[in-house]
Amino acid sequence: MCGRFAFYSPSEATAALFGVDTSIELEPRYNIAPTQDIAAIRNAAEAGRELVLLRWGLLPFWAKDPSIGNRMINARAETVAEKPSFRAAYKHRRCLVLADGFYEWKLENGTKTPYFISLASSEPFAFAGLWENWQDKESGASIQSTALITTSANEFMSAVHDRMPIILLPHTADRWLSGDNSVLHDATVETPELQAWPVSRRVNNARNDDAALINRA
């Protein structure tokens, strides 16, 4: 799974990389956790794309209890097209979640050590994501939320964990947003070169959010 990540590159430059203008001022984030708002790109109602903030933890439109979204931060690529919680979003509501890297925990000598994983080039990228719009039938309040799609770890990531998020670069991101159903398979096979190093266990506490978190421990 993917339970924490970071996005600290300038939002204007990253948004331009994925073909969208931005009017949202984003602060650097080094320890993004579930239930928090995260930056995502999706197709706009009119032509083009838009940069929006979505709550991490997908809340299906049919859910009665909004707390269900807290447990639905990831969708498995192998079953996303069939699972009732995700299949409508998979068909109609895809997005790109902006990131510079993510954290995973490796069991070493009986202790879980956090690792920071990023592109070997250290460039920003996007996770393949889904989004939903949930509306409270009583109050009319709405929540727009998202989930990241994960797949089996590639050879590099398998040394740390058995799952990893789907990583998209601009050319695969375009295909994902256009509705191409072969992207998840292709992105799994063609994962870009990654790098990883152990970091401080301070990342375990979501209240810690500073640049030192991604430094090698």
N, C-alpha and C. Protein backbone atom coordinates (compact mmCIF):
# COMPACT_ATOMS: atom_id res chain seq x y z
N MET A 1 0.83 -1.19 0.00
CA MET A 1 0.00 0.00 0.00
C MET A 1 0.87 1.25 0.00
N CYS A 2 0.25 2.39 -0.13
CA CYS A 2 0.96 3.66 -0.02
C CYS A 2 0.21 4.49 1.00
N GLY A 3 0.86 4.78 2.14
CA GLY A 3 0.17 5.46 3.22
C GLY A 3 0.71 6.83 3.55
N ARG A 4 1.83 7.22 2.97
CA ARG A 4 2.39 8.56 3.18
C ARG A 4 3.18 8.94 1.93
N PHE A 5 3.16 10.23 1.61
CA PHE A 5 3.99 10.69 0.50
C PHE A 5 4.32 12.15 0.67
N ALA A 6 5.12 12.68 -0.24
CA ALA A 6 5.58 14.07 -0.18
C ALA A 6 5.39 14.74 -1.53
N PHE A 7 5.07 16.01 -1.47
CA PHE A 7 5.02 16.84 -2.68
C PHE A 7 5.49 18.23 -2.31
N TYR A 8 6.70 18.56 -2.78
CA TYR A 8 7.32 19.82 -2.39
C TYR A 8 7.84 20.62 -3.58
N SER A 9 7.78 20.08 -4.80
CA SER A 9 8.21 20.85 -5.97
C SER A 9 7.27 22.03 -6.18
N PRO A 10 7.76 23.10 -6.81
CA PRO A 10 6.88 24.24 -7.08
C PRO A 10 5.65 23.80 -7.86
N SER A 11 4.49 24.15 -7.35
CA SER A 11 3.24 23.68 -7.96
C SER A 11 3.07 24.17 -9.39
N GLU A 12 3.54 25.38 -9.69
CA GLU A 12 3.39 25.91 -11.04
C GLU A 12 4.17 25.07 -12.04
N ALA A 13 5.40 24.73 -11.70
CA ALA A 13 6.24 23.95 -12.60
C ALA A 13 5.68 22.54 -12.78
N THR A 14 5.21 21.95 -11.68
CA THR A 14 4.68 20.59 -11.76
C THR A 14 3.38 20.56 -12.55
N ALA A 15 2.53 21.54 -12.30
CA ALA A 15 1.27 21.61 -13.02
C ALA A 15 1.53 21.76 -14.52
N ALA A 16 2.49 22.59 -14.88
CA ALA A 16 2.83 22.78 -16.29
C ALA A 16 3.33 21.48 -16.92
N LEU A 17 4.04 20.69 -16.13
CA LEU A 17 4.56 19.41 -16.61
C LEU A 17 3.43 18.50 -17.05
N PHE A 18 2.28 18.61 -16.36
CA PHE A 18 1.15 17.75 -16.67
C PHE A 18 0.01 18.49 -17.36
N GLY A 19 0.33 19.64 -17.92
CA GLY A 19 -0.61 20.32 -18.81
C GLY A 19 -1.79 20.98 -18.16
N VAL A 20 -1.57 21.72 -17.08
CA VAL A 20 -2.67 22.42 -16.43
C VAL A 20 -2.17 23.74 -15.86
N ASP A 21 -3.03 24.74 -15.90
CA ASP A 21 -2.72 26.00 -15.24
C ASP A 21 -3.11 25.88 -13.77
N THR A 22 -2.43 26.64 -12.91
CA THR A 22 -2.76 26.56 -11.50
C THR A 22 -3.06 27.92 -10.92
N SER A 23 -4.12 27.96 -10.13
CA SER A 23 -4.47 29.16 -9.38
C SER A 23 -4.43 28.87 -7.88
N ILE A 24 -3.96 27.66 -7.54
CA ILE A 24 -3.90 27.24 -6.14
C ILE A 24 -2.46 27.37 -5.64
N GLU A 25 -2.29 28.06 -4.54
CA GLU A 25 -0.96 28.19 -3.94
C GLU A 25 -0.75 27.01 -3.00
N LEU A 26 0.21 26.17 -3.31
CA LEU A 26 0.45 24.96 -2.53
C LEU A 26 1.73 25.09 -1.72
N GLU A 27 1.64 24.79 -0.44
CA GLU A 27 2.82 24.78 0.42
C GLU A 27 3.55 23.45 0.26
N PRO A 28 4.89 23.44 0.38
CA PRO A 28 5.62 22.16 0.36
C PRO A 28 5.13 21.24 1.47
N ARG A 29 4.93 19.98 1.12
CA ARG A 29 4.45 18.99 2.10
C ARG A 29 5.41 17.80 2.08
N TYR A 30 5.81 17.35 3.26
CA TYR A 30 6.79 16.27 3.36
C TYR A 30 6.25 15.03 4.07
N ASN A 31 5.02 15.09 4.54
CA ASN A 31 4.46 13.95 5.26
C ASN A 31 2.95 13.94 5.10
N ILE A 32 2.50 13.79 3.87
CA ILE A 32 1.07 13.81 3.56
C ILE A 32 0.45 12.49 4.00
N ALA A 33 -0.64 12.58 4.75
CA ALA A 33 -1.26 11.41 5.36
C ALA A 33 -2.72 11.30 4.95
N PRO A 34 -3.32 10.11 5.08
CA PRO A 34 -4.74 9.93 4.76
C PRO A 34 -5.63 10.91 5.52
N THR A 35 -6.73 11.28 4.89
CA THR A 35 -7.75 12.23 5.34
C THR A 35 -7.34 13.68 5.09
N GLN A 36 -6.09 13.92 4.69
CA GLN A 36 -5.67 15.29 4.39
C GLN A 36 -5.99 15.63 2.94
N ASP A 37 -6.05 16.93 2.64
CA ASP A 37 -6.27 17.38 1.27
C ASP A 37 -4.97 17.27 0.48
N ILE A 38 -5.07 16.78 -0.74
CA ILE A 38 -3.89 16.60 -1.57
C ILE A 38 -4.14 17.17 -2.97
N ALA A 39 -3.06 17.56 -3.64
CA ALA A 39 -3.15 18.20 -4.96
C ALA A 39 -3.33 17.15 -6.05
N ALA A 40 -4.32 17.37 -6.89
CA ALA A 40 -4.61 16.43 -7.97
C ALA A 40 -5.01 17.19 -9.23
N ILE A 41 -4.78 16.57 -10.37
CA ILE A 41 -5.18 17.11 -11.67
C ILE A 41 -6.24 16.18 -12.25
N ARG A 42 -7.30 16.78 -12.77
CA ARG A 42 -8.37 16.00 -13.40
C ARG A 42 -8.89 16.75 -14.62
N ASN A 43 -9.64 16.04 -15.46
CA ASN A 43 -10.27 16.69 -16.60
C ASN A 43 -11.34 17.66 -16.08
N ALA A 44 -11.36 18.84 -16.64
CA ALA A 44 -12.34 19.85 -16.23
C ALA A 44 -13.68 19.60 -16.91
N ALA A 45 -14.72 20.21 -16.34
CA ALA A 45 -16.05 20.06 -16.91
C ALA A 45 -16.06 20.57 -18.34
N GLU A 46 -15.33 21.67 -18.59
CA GLU A 46 -15.15 22.15 -19.95
C GLU A 46 -13.83 21.59 -20.47
N ALA A 47 -13.43 22.01 -21.63
CA ALA A 47 -12.19 21.49 -22.21
C ALA A 47 -11.00 21.84 -21.32
N GLY A 48 -10.04 20.94 -21.25
CA GLY A 48 -8.84 21.19 -20.47
C GLY A 48 -8.81 20.43 -19.16
N ARG A 49 -7.86 20.82 -18.31
CA ARG A 49 -7.65 20.16 -17.03
C ARG A 49 -7.66 21.20 -15.92
N GLU A 50 -7.86 20.74 -14.70
CA GLU A 50 -7.85 21.64 -13.56
C GLU A 50 -7.07 21.02 -12.41
N LEU A 51 -6.44 21.89 -11.63
CA LEU A 51 -5.74 21.47 -10.43
C LEU A 51 -6.67 21.71 -9.25
N VAL A 52 -6.91 20.66 -8.45
CA VAL A 52 -7.86 20.74 -7.35
C VAL A 52 -7.26 20.11 -6.10
N LEU A 53 -7.91 20.32 -4.98
CA LEU A 53 -7.56 19.67 -3.73
C LEU A 53 -8.63 18.63 -3.41
N LEU A 54 -8.21 17.41 -3.18
CA LEU A 54 -9.12 16.31 -2.87
C LEU A 54 -8.73 15.66 -1.56
N ARG A 55 -9.70 15.20 -0.80
CA ARG A 55 -9.38 14.53 0.46
C ARG A 55 -8.91 13.11 0.18
N TRP A 56 -7.80 12.73 0.81
CA TRP A 56 -7.24 11.40 0.57
C TRP A 56 -8.00 10.36 1.38
N GLY A 57 -8.66 9.48 0.65
CA GLY A 57 -9.51 8.44 1.22
C GLY A 57 -10.83 8.49 0.48
N LEU A 58 -10.99 7.64 -0.54
CA LEU A 58 -12.13 7.76 -1.44
C LEU A 58 -13.44 7.40 -0.75
N LEU A 59 -14.41 8.28 -0.92
CA LEU A 59 -15.74 8.11 -0.35
C LEU A 59 -16.71 7.84 -1.49
N PRO A 60 -17.16 6.60 -1.68
CA PRO A 60 -18.07 6.28 -2.79
C PRO A 60 -19.34 7.13 -2.73
N PHE A 61 -19.87 7.47 -3.88
CA PHE A 61 -21.05 8.33 -3.92
C PHE A 61 -22.25 7.71 -3.22
N TRP A 62 -22.27 6.36 -3.10
CA TRP A 62 -23.41 5.68 -2.50
C TRP A 62 -23.24 5.44 -1.00
N ALA A 63 -22.11 5.82 -0.44
CA ALA A 63 -21.84 5.54 0.98
C ALA A 63 -22.80 6.30 1.89
N LYS A 64 -23.24 5.65 2.96
CA LYS A 64 -24.09 6.29 3.94
C LYS A 64 -23.27 6.97 5.04
N ASP A 65 -22.14 6.36 5.37
CA ASP A 65 -21.28 6.88 6.43
C ASP A 65 -20.00 7.42 5.81
N PRO A 66 -19.73 8.72 5.92
CA PRO A 66 -18.52 9.28 5.30
C PRO A 66 -17.22 8.76 5.88
N SER A 67 -17.27 8.16 7.06
CA SER A 67 -16.03 7.65 7.66
C SER A 67 -15.46 6.47 6.89
N ILE A 68 -16.24 5.86 6.00
CA ILE A 68 -15.73 4.73 5.22
C ILE A 68 -14.54 5.15 4.36
N GLY A 69 -14.51 6.41 3.98
CA GLY A 69 -13.41 6.89 3.15
C GLY A 69 -12.07 6.84 3.82
N ASN A 70 -12.05 6.89 5.15
CA ASN A 70 -10.78 6.87 5.88
C ASN A 70 -10.01 5.58 5.65
N ARG A 71 -10.70 4.51 5.26
CA ARG A 71 -10.05 3.22 5.05
C ARG A 71 -9.75 2.94 3.58
N MET A 72 -10.17 3.83 2.70
CA MET A 72 -10.08 3.55 1.27
C MET A 72 -9.09 4.49 0.60
N ILE A 73 -7.86 4.46 1.10
CA ILE A 73 -6.83 5.34 0.56
C ILE A 73 -6.18 4.76 -0.69
N ASN A 74 -6.25 3.44 -0.85
CA ASN A 74 -5.64 2.77 -2.00
C ASN A 74 -6.65 1.87 -2.69
N ALA A 75 -6.50 1.72 -4.00
CA ALA A 75 -7.27 0.76 -4.79
C ALA A 75 -6.28 -0.14 -5.51
N ARG A 76 -6.53 -1.43 -5.51
CA ARG A 76 -5.62 -2.37 -6.16
C ARG A 76 -5.85 -2.38 -7.67
N ALA A 77 -4.77 -2.24 -8.43
CA ALA A 77 -4.88 -2.22 -9.89
C ALA A 77 -5.52 -3.50 -10.43
N GLU A 78 -5.30 -4.61 -9.73
CA GLU A 78 -5.79 -5.90 -10.20
C GLU A 78 -7.32 -6.00 -10.14
N THR A 79 -7.95 -5.22 -9.27
CA THR A 79 -9.40 -5.36 -9.07
C THR A 79 -10.17 -4.04 -9.17
N VAL A 80 -9.49 -2.94 -9.47
CA VAL A 80 -10.13 -1.63 -9.44
C VAL A 80 -11.31 -1.52 -10.41
N ALA A 81 -11.25 -2.23 -11.52
CA ALA A 81 -12.32 -2.13 -12.52
C ALA A 81 -13.60 -2.84 -12.10
N GLU A 82 -13.49 -3.76 -11.10
CA GLU A 82 -14.65 -4.53 -10.69
C GLU A 82 -15.18 -4.19 -9.30
N LYS A 83 -14.34 -3.67 -8.43
CA LYS A 83 -14.76 -3.41 -7.05
C LYS A 83 -15.87 -2.35 -7.02
N PRO A 84 -16.98 -2.62 -6.32
CA PRO A 84 -18.08 -1.65 -6.26
C PRO A 84 -17.65 -0.27 -5.77
N SER A 85 -16.68 -0.22 -4.89
CA SER A 85 -16.25 1.06 -4.33
C SER A 85 -15.50 1.92 -5.34
N PHE A 86 -14.92 1.29 -6.36
CA PHE A 86 -14.02 2.02 -7.26
C PHE A 86 -14.42 1.99 -8.73
N ARG A 87 -15.26 1.06 -9.16
CA ARG A 87 -15.45 0.83 -10.58
C ARG A 87 -16.08 2.03 -11.31
N ALA A 88 -16.99 2.76 -10.66
CA ALA A 88 -17.58 3.92 -11.33
C ALA A 88 -16.53 5.01 -11.54
N ALA A 89 -15.71 5.25 -10.52
CA ALA A 89 -14.65 6.25 -10.64
C ALA A 89 -13.62 5.82 -11.67
N TYR A 90 -13.32 4.53 -11.72
CA TYR A 90 -12.36 4.03 -12.70
C TYR A 90 -12.83 4.32 -14.12
N LYS A 91 -14.12 4.22 -14.36
CA LYS A 91 -14.66 4.45 -15.69
C LYS A 91 -14.79 5.93 -16.03
N HIS A 92 -15.11 6.75 -15.03
CA HIS A 92 -15.52 8.12 -15.34
C HIS A 92 -14.75 9.22 -14.63
N ARG A 93 -14.03 8.91 -13.54
CA ARG A 93 -13.43 9.97 -12.73
C ARG A 93 -11.99 9.61 -12.34
N ARG A 94 -11.09 9.85 -13.25
CA ARG A 94 -9.68 9.57 -13.01
C ARG A 94 -8.94 10.87 -12.70
N CYS A 95 -7.83 10.76 -12.00
CA CYS A 95 -7.04 11.95 -11.69
C CYS A 95 -5.57 11.59 -11.55
N LEU A 96 -4.75 12.63 -11.48
CA LEU A 96 -3.32 12.50 -11.24
C LEU A 96 -3.03 13.15 -9.90
N VAL A 97 -2.43 12.41 -8.99
CA VAL A 97 -2.06 12.96 -7.68
C VAL A 97 -0.58 13.32 -7.72
N LEU A 98 -0.26 14.58 -7.50
CA LEU A 98 1.11 15.08 -7.66
C LEU A 98 2.00 14.67 -6.49
N ALA A 99 3.24 14.28 -6.80
CA ALA A 99 4.14 13.80 -5.76
C ALA A 99 5.60 13.98 -6.18
N ASP A 100 6.46 14.00 -5.18
CA ASP A 100 7.91 13.95 -5.40
C ASP A 100 8.50 12.64 -4.89
N GLY A 101 7.77 11.95 -4.05
CA GLY A 101 8.24 10.69 -3.49
C GLY A 101 7.23 10.15 -2.50
N PHE A 102 7.45 8.93 -2.05
CA PHE A 102 6.55 8.32 -1.08
C PHE A 102 7.36 7.51 -0.07
N TYR A 103 6.70 7.18 1.02
CA TYR A 103 7.35 6.42 2.09
C TYR A 103 6.82 4.99 2.13
N GLU A 104 7.71 4.07 2.47
CA GLU A 104 7.30 2.70 2.73
C GLU A 104 8.14 2.17 3.88
N TRP A 105 7.58 1.20 4.60
CA TRP A 105 8.25 0.68 5.80
C TRP A 105 8.74 -0.74 5.55
N LYS A 106 10.02 -0.97 5.82
CA LYS A 106 10.64 -2.27 5.61
C LYS A 106 10.95 -2.91 6.96
N LEU A 107 10.56 -4.17 7.09
CA LEU A 107 10.83 -4.89 8.33
C LEU A 107 12.28 -5.33 8.37
N GLU A 108 13.04 -4.79 9.33
CA GLU A 108 14.46 -5.09 9.47
C GLU A 108 14.77 -5.39 10.93
N ASN A 109 15.24 -6.61 11.18
CA ASN A 109 15.61 -7.01 12.54
C ASN A 109 14.46 -6.78 13.53
N GLY A 110 13.25 -7.12 13.08
CA GLY A 110 12.09 -7.02 13.96
C GLY A 110 11.54 -5.61 14.10
N THR A 111 12.10 -4.64 13.39
CA THR A 111 11.65 -3.25 13.47
C THR A 111 11.35 -2.73 12.07
N LYS A 112 10.30 -1.93 11.97
CA LYS A 112 9.94 -1.34 10.68
C LYS A 112 10.70 -0.03 10.47
N THR A 113 11.53 -0.03 9.43
CA THR A 113 12.31 1.16 9.09
C THR A 113 11.66 1.89 7.93
N PRO A 114 11.38 3.19 8.08
CA PRO A 114 10.79 3.94 6.97
C PRO A 114 11.82 4.26 5.89
N TYR A 115 11.40 4.15 4.64
CA TYR A 115 12.24 4.50 3.49
C TYR A 115 11.51 5.56 2.67
N PHE A 116 12.30 6.46 2.09
CA PHE A 116 11.75 7.43 1.14
C PHE A 116 12.12 6.97 -0.25
N ILE A 117 11.13 6.90 -1.13
CA ILE A 117 11.33 6.42 -2.50
C ILE A 117 10.95 7.53 -3.48
N SER A 118 11.81 7.78 -4.44
CA SER A 118 11.54 8.81 -5.44
C SER A 118 12.12 8.37 -6.79
N LEU A 119 11.87 9.15 -7.82
CA LEU A 119 12.50 8.88 -9.11
C LEU A 119 14.00 9.05 -8.97
N ALA A 120 14.76 8.25 -9.68
CA ALA A 120 16.22 8.38 -9.66
C ALA A 120 16.66 9.75 -10.13
N SER A 121 15.83 10.38 -10.95
CA SER A 121 16.12 11.72 -11.45
C SER A 121 15.75 12.81 -10.45
N SER A 122 15.04 12.43 -9.38
CA SER A 122 14.53 13.36 -8.36
C SER A 122 13.49 14.33 -8.91
N GLU A 123 12.92 14.03 -10.06
CA GLU A 123 11.88 14.87 -10.65
C GLU A 123 10.51 14.52 -10.07
N PRO A 124 9.58 15.46 -10.11
CA PRO A 124 8.22 15.16 -9.65
C PRO A 124 7.51 14.22 -10.62
N PHE A 125 6.46 13.58 -10.15
CA PHE A 125 5.69 12.64 -10.97
C PHE A 125 4.25 12.67 -10.49
N ALA A 126 3.46 11.73 -10.96
CA ALA A 126 2.06 11.65 -10.52
C ALA A 126 1.71 10.20 -10.20
N PHE A 127 0.86 10.03 -9.20
CA PHE A 127 0.26 8.74 -8.94
C PHE A 127 -1.02 8.64 -9.77
N ALA A 128 -1.33 7.44 -10.24
CA ALA A 128 -2.63 7.21 -10.86
C ALA A 128 -3.68 7.22 -9.76
N GLY A 129 -4.70 8.04 -9.92
CA GLY A 129 -5.72 8.16 -8.90
C GLY A 129 -7.13 8.15 -9.46
N LEU A 130 -8.09 8.00 -8.53
CA LEU A 130 -9.51 8.08 -8.84
C LEU A 130 -10.12 9.12 -7.92
N TRP A 131 -11.21 9.74 -8.35
CA TRP A 131 -11.86 10.68 -7.45
C TRP A 131 -13.38 10.49 -7.48
N GLU A 132 -14.00 10.91 -6.40
CA GLU A 132 -15.46 10.81 -6.27
C GLU A 132 -16.01 12.08 -5.62
N ASN A 133 -17.27 12.35 -5.90
CA ASN A 133 -17.98 13.45 -5.26
C ASN A 133 -19.13 12.86 -4.44
N TRP A 134 -19.03 12.98 -3.11
CA TRP A 134 -20.06 12.45 -2.20
C TRP A 134 -20.86 13.61 -1.63
N GLN A 135 -22.17 13.42 -1.55
CA GLN A 135 -23.03 14.48 -1.03
C GLN A 135 -23.91 13.96 0.08
N ASP A 136 -23.92 14.70 1.19
CA ASP A 136 -24.77 14.37 2.32
C ASP A 136 -26.22 14.69 1.96
N LYS A 137 -27.08 13.67 2.02
CA LYS A 137 -28.47 13.86 1.59
C LYS A 137 -29.25 14.79 2.51
N GLU A 138 -28.81 14.90 3.76
CA GLU A 138 -29.52 15.75 4.70
C GLU A 138 -29.06 17.20 4.63
N SER A 139 -27.75 17.41 4.69
CA SER A 139 -27.23 18.77 4.74
C SER A 139 -26.90 19.34 3.36
N GLY A 140 -26.70 18.45 2.38
CA GLY A 140 -26.31 18.90 1.06
C GLY A 140 -24.82 19.15 0.92
N ALA A 141 -24.07 19.02 2.03
CA ALA A 141 -22.62 19.21 1.99
C ALA A 141 -21.98 18.13 1.13
N SER A 142 -20.91 18.51 0.43
CA SER A 142 -20.24 17.55 -0.44
C SER A 142 -18.77 17.40 -0.06
N ILE A 143 -18.24 16.22 -0.34
CA ILE A 143 -16.82 15.92 -0.12
C ILE A 143 -16.28 15.32 -1.40
N GLN A 144 -15.22 15.91 -1.93
CA GLN A 144 -14.55 15.34 -3.08
C GLN A 144 -13.28 14.64 -2.59
N SER A 145 -13.15 13.38 -2.92
CA SER A 145 -12.09 12.56 -2.34
C SER A 145 -11.39 11.75 -3.41
N THR A 146 -10.28 11.13 -3.02
CA THR A 146 -9.46 10.40 -3.98
C THR A 146 -8.80 9.18 -3.36
N ALA A 147 -8.43 8.24 -4.20
CA ALA A 147 -7.64 7.06 -3.79
C ALA A 147 -6.51 6.87 -4.79
N LEU A 148 -5.39 6.35 -4.31
CA LEU A 148 -4.25 6.03 -5.17
C LEU A 148 -4.33 4.57 -5.59
N ILE A 149 -3.87 4.28 -6.79
CA ILE A 149 -3.91 2.91 -7.28
C ILE A 149 -2.55 2.26 -7.07
N THR A 150 -2.57 1.07 -6.52
CA THR A 150 -1.33 0.35 -6.24
C THR A 150 -1.26 -0.95 -7.05
N THR A 151 -0.05 -1.48 -7.16
CA THR A 151 0.18 -2.71 -7.90
C THR A 151 1.27 -3.52 -7.20
N SER A 152 1.56 -4.68 -7.73
CA SER A 152 2.65 -5.49 -7.16
C SER A 152 3.97 -4.77 -7.33
N ALA A 153 4.84 -4.89 -6.35
CA ALA A 153 6.13 -4.21 -6.39
C ALA A 153 6.99 -4.74 -7.54
N ASN A 154 7.72 -3.81 -8.16
CA ASN A 154 8.69 -4.24 -9.17
C ASN A 154 9.94 -4.78 -8.45
N GLU A 155 10.93 -5.16 -9.23
CA GLU A 155 12.12 -5.77 -8.63
C GLU A 155 12.79 -4.85 -7.62
N PHE A 156 12.86 -3.57 -7.94
CA PHE A 156 13.50 -2.63 -7.03
C PHE A 156 12.71 -2.49 -5.74
N MET A 157 11.41 -2.28 -5.84
CA MET A 157 10.58 -2.05 -4.66
C MET A 157 10.37 -3.29 -3.81
N SER A 158 10.49 -4.46 -4.41
CA SER A 158 10.24 -5.69 -3.65
C SER A 158 11.23 -5.88 -2.52
N ALA A 159 12.36 -5.18 -2.57
CA ALA A 159 13.32 -5.26 -1.46
C ALA A 159 12.83 -4.49 -0.25
N VAL A 160 11.82 -3.64 -0.46
CA VAL A 160 11.28 -2.84 0.64
C VAL A 160 9.88 -3.30 1.02
N HIS A 161 9.03 -3.52 0.03
CA HIS A 161 7.62 -3.86 0.28
C HIS A 161 7.07 -4.62 -0.92
N ASP A 162 5.95 -5.34 -0.73
CA ASP A 162 5.40 -6.13 -1.83
C ASP A 162 4.40 -5.38 -2.69
N ARG A 163 4.07 -4.13 -2.32
CA ARG A 163 3.17 -3.30 -3.13
C ARG A 163 3.81 -1.95 -3.39
N MET A 164 3.33 -1.26 -4.41
CA MET A 164 3.81 0.07 -4.71
C MET A 164 2.72 0.83 -5.46
N PRO A 165 2.72 2.16 -5.40
CA PRO A 165 1.74 2.93 -6.16
C PRO A 165 2.10 2.95 -7.64
N ILE A 166 1.07 3.11 -8.49
CA ILE A 166 1.29 3.27 -9.92
C ILE A 166 1.87 4.66 -10.17
N ILE A 167 3.05 4.72 -10.77
CA ILE A 167 3.73 5.99 -11.04
C ILE A 167 3.55 6.36 -12.51
N LEU A 168 3.09 7.59 -12.74
CA LEU A 168 2.86 8.08 -14.10
C LEU A 168 3.77 9.25 -14.42
N LEU A 169 4.32 9.24 -15.61
CA LEU A 169 5.05 10.36 -16.17
C LEU A 169 4.13 11.05 -17.19
N PRO A 170 4.51 12.20 -17.73
CA PRO A 170 3.57 12.93 -18.58
C PRO A 170 2.91 12.11 -19.69
N HIS A 171 3.65 11.25 -20.38
CA HIS A 171 3.03 10.53 -21.51
C HIS A 171 2.02 9.49 -21.04
N THR A 172 2.30 8.81 -19.93
CA THR A 172 1.33 7.85 -19.41
C THR A 172 0.21 8.56 -18.67
N ALA A 173 0.49 9.72 -18.11
CA ALA A 173 -0.54 10.51 -17.43
C ALA A 173 -1.62 10.93 -18.43
N ASP A 174 -1.20 11.34 -19.61
CA ASP A 174 -2.16 11.73 -20.64
C ASP A 174 -3.08 10.55 -20.99
N ARG A 175 -2.51 9.40 -21.13
CA ARG A 175 -3.30 8.22 -21.47
C ARG A 175 -4.26 7.86 -20.35
N TRP A 176 -3.81 7.99 -19.11
CA TRP A 176 -4.66 7.66 -17.96
C TRP A 176 -5.90 8.56 -17.93
N LEU A 177 -5.68 9.86 -18.08
CA LEU A 177 -6.81 10.78 -18.03
C LEU A 177 -7.74 10.62 -19.23
N SER A 178 -7.22 10.13 -20.33
CA SER A 178 -8.05 9.96 -21.53
C SER A 178 -8.92 8.72 -21.46
N GLY A 179 -8.71 7.87 -20.44
CA GLY A 179 -9.54 6.67 -20.29
C GLY A 179 -8.93 5.40 -20.82
N ASP A 180 -7.66 5.44 -21.19
CA ASP A 180 -6.97 4.26 -21.70
C ASP A 180 -6.88 3.20 -20.61
N ASN A 181 -7.46 2.02 -20.85
CA ASN A 181 -7.48 0.98 -19.83
C ASN A 181 -6.22 0.12 -19.79
N SER A 182 -5.30 0.35 -20.73
CA SER A 182 -4.06 -0.43 -20.73
C SER A 182 -2.95 0.25 -19.93
N VAL A 183 -3.22 1.46 -19.44
CA VAL A 183 -2.17 2.24 -18.78
C VAL A 183 -1.67 1.57 -17.52
N LEU A 184 -2.55 1.03 -16.71
CA LEU A 184 -2.12 0.44 -15.45
C LEU A 184 -1.13 -0.69 -15.69
N HIS A 185 -1.43 -1.52 -16.67
CA HIS A 185 -0.50 -2.61 -16.99
C HIS A 185 0.82 -2.06 -17.50
N ASP A 186 0.75 -1.12 -18.43
CA ASP A 186 1.97 -0.58 -19.02
C ASP A 186 2.83 0.15 -17.99
N ALA A 187 2.18 0.92 -17.12
CA ALA A 187 2.93 1.67 -16.10
C ALA A 187 3.57 0.74 -15.09
N THR A 188 2.95 -0.42 -14.86
CA THR A 188 3.53 -1.40 -13.95
C THR A 188 4.78 -2.02 -14.56
N VAL A 189 4.71 -2.34 -15.84
CA VAL A 189 5.84 -2.96 -16.54
C VAL A 189 6.97 -1.97 -16.77
N GLU A 190 6.61 -0.71 -17.04
CA GLU A 190 7.60 0.29 -17.43
C GLU A 190 7.87 1.31 -16.32
N THR A 191 7.87 0.87 -15.08
CA THR A 191 8.13 1.80 -13.99
C THR A 191 9.48 2.48 -14.17
N PRO A 192 9.53 3.80 -14.04
CA PRO A 192 10.82 4.50 -14.19
C PRO A 192 11.80 4.10 -13.09
N GLU A 193 13.06 4.38 -13.32
CA GLU A 193 14.09 4.03 -12.34
C GLU A 193 13.86 4.80 -11.05
N LEU A 194 13.96 4.06 -9.94
CA LEU A 194 13.70 4.63 -8.62
C LEU A 194 14.97 4.65 -7.77
N GLN A 195 14.91 5.43 -6.70
CA GLN A 195 15.95 5.42 -5.68
C GLN A 195 15.26 5.41 -4.32
N ALA A 196 15.96 4.90 -3.31
CA ALA A 196 15.37 4.79 -1.98
C ALA A 196 16.46 4.85 -0.92
N TRP A 197 16.10 5.40 0.23
CA TRP A 197 17.03 5.42 1.37
C TRP A 197 16.24 5.48 2.67
N PRO A 198 16.82 4.97 3.76
CA PRO A 198 16.13 5.01 5.05
C PRO A 198 16.06 6.44 5.59
N VAL A 199 14.96 6.74 6.28
CA VAL A 199 14.77 8.06 6.85
C VAL A 199 14.39 7.94 8.33
N SER A 200 14.29 9.07 8.98
CA SER A 200 13.98 9.11 10.40
C SER A 200 12.58 8.57 10.69
N ARG A 201 12.43 7.93 11.84
CA ARG A 201 11.12 7.45 12.26
C ARG A 201 10.20 8.59 12.67
N ARG A 202 10.68 9.80 12.60
CA ARG A 202 9.81 10.95 12.84
C ARG A 202 8.66 10.98 11.84
N VAL A 203 8.85 10.36 10.69
CA VAL A 203 7.79 10.35 9.68
C VAL A 203 6.59 9.55 10.16
N ASN A 204 6.77 8.69 11.15
CA ASN A 204 5.66 7.89 11.66
C ASN A 204 4.56 8.76 12.25
N ASN A 205 4.91 9.95 12.70
CA ASN A 205 3.94 10.87 13.30
C ASN A 205 3.53 11.90 12.23
N ALA A 206 2.27 11.87 11.84
CA ALA A 206 1.80 12.74 10.76
C ALA A 206 1.88 14.22 11.13
N ARG A 207 2.04 14.53 12.40
CA ARG A 207 2.16 15.94 12.79
C ARG A 207 3.52 16.51 12.41
N ASN A 208 4.50 15.63 12.18
CA ASN A 208 5.82 16.09 11.73
C ASN A 208 5.76 16.30 10.21
N ASP A 209 6.09 17.50 9.77
CA ASP A 209 6.02 17.80 8.34
C ASP A 209 7.07 18.86 8.00
N ASP A 210 8.31 18.42 7.76
CA ASP A 210 9.38 19.35 7.44
C ASP A 210 10.37 18.66 6.51
N ALA A 211 11.21 19.44 5.87
CA ALA A 211 12.12 18.94 4.85
C ALA A 211 13.10 17.90 5.36
N ALA A 212 13.41 17.93 6.66
CA ALA A 212 14.38 16.98 7.21
C ALA A 212 13.86 15.54 7.15
N LEU A 213 12.56 15.36 6.98
CA LEU A 213 12.00 14.01 6.97
C LEU A 213 12.52 13.18 5.81
N ILE A 214 12.89 13.81 4.70
CA ILE A 214 13.34 13.03 3.55
C ILE A 214 14.85 12.83 3.53
N ASN A 215 15.56 13.34 4.55
CA ASN A 215 17.01 13.16 4.62
C ASN A 215 17.36 11.73 4.99
N ARG A 216 18.48 11.27 4.47
CA ARG A 216 18.93 9.91 4.79
C ARG A 216 19.22 9.81 6.29
N ALA A 217 18.71 8.75 6.91
CA ALA A 217 18.91 8.57 8.37
C ALA A 217 20.31 8.05 8.63
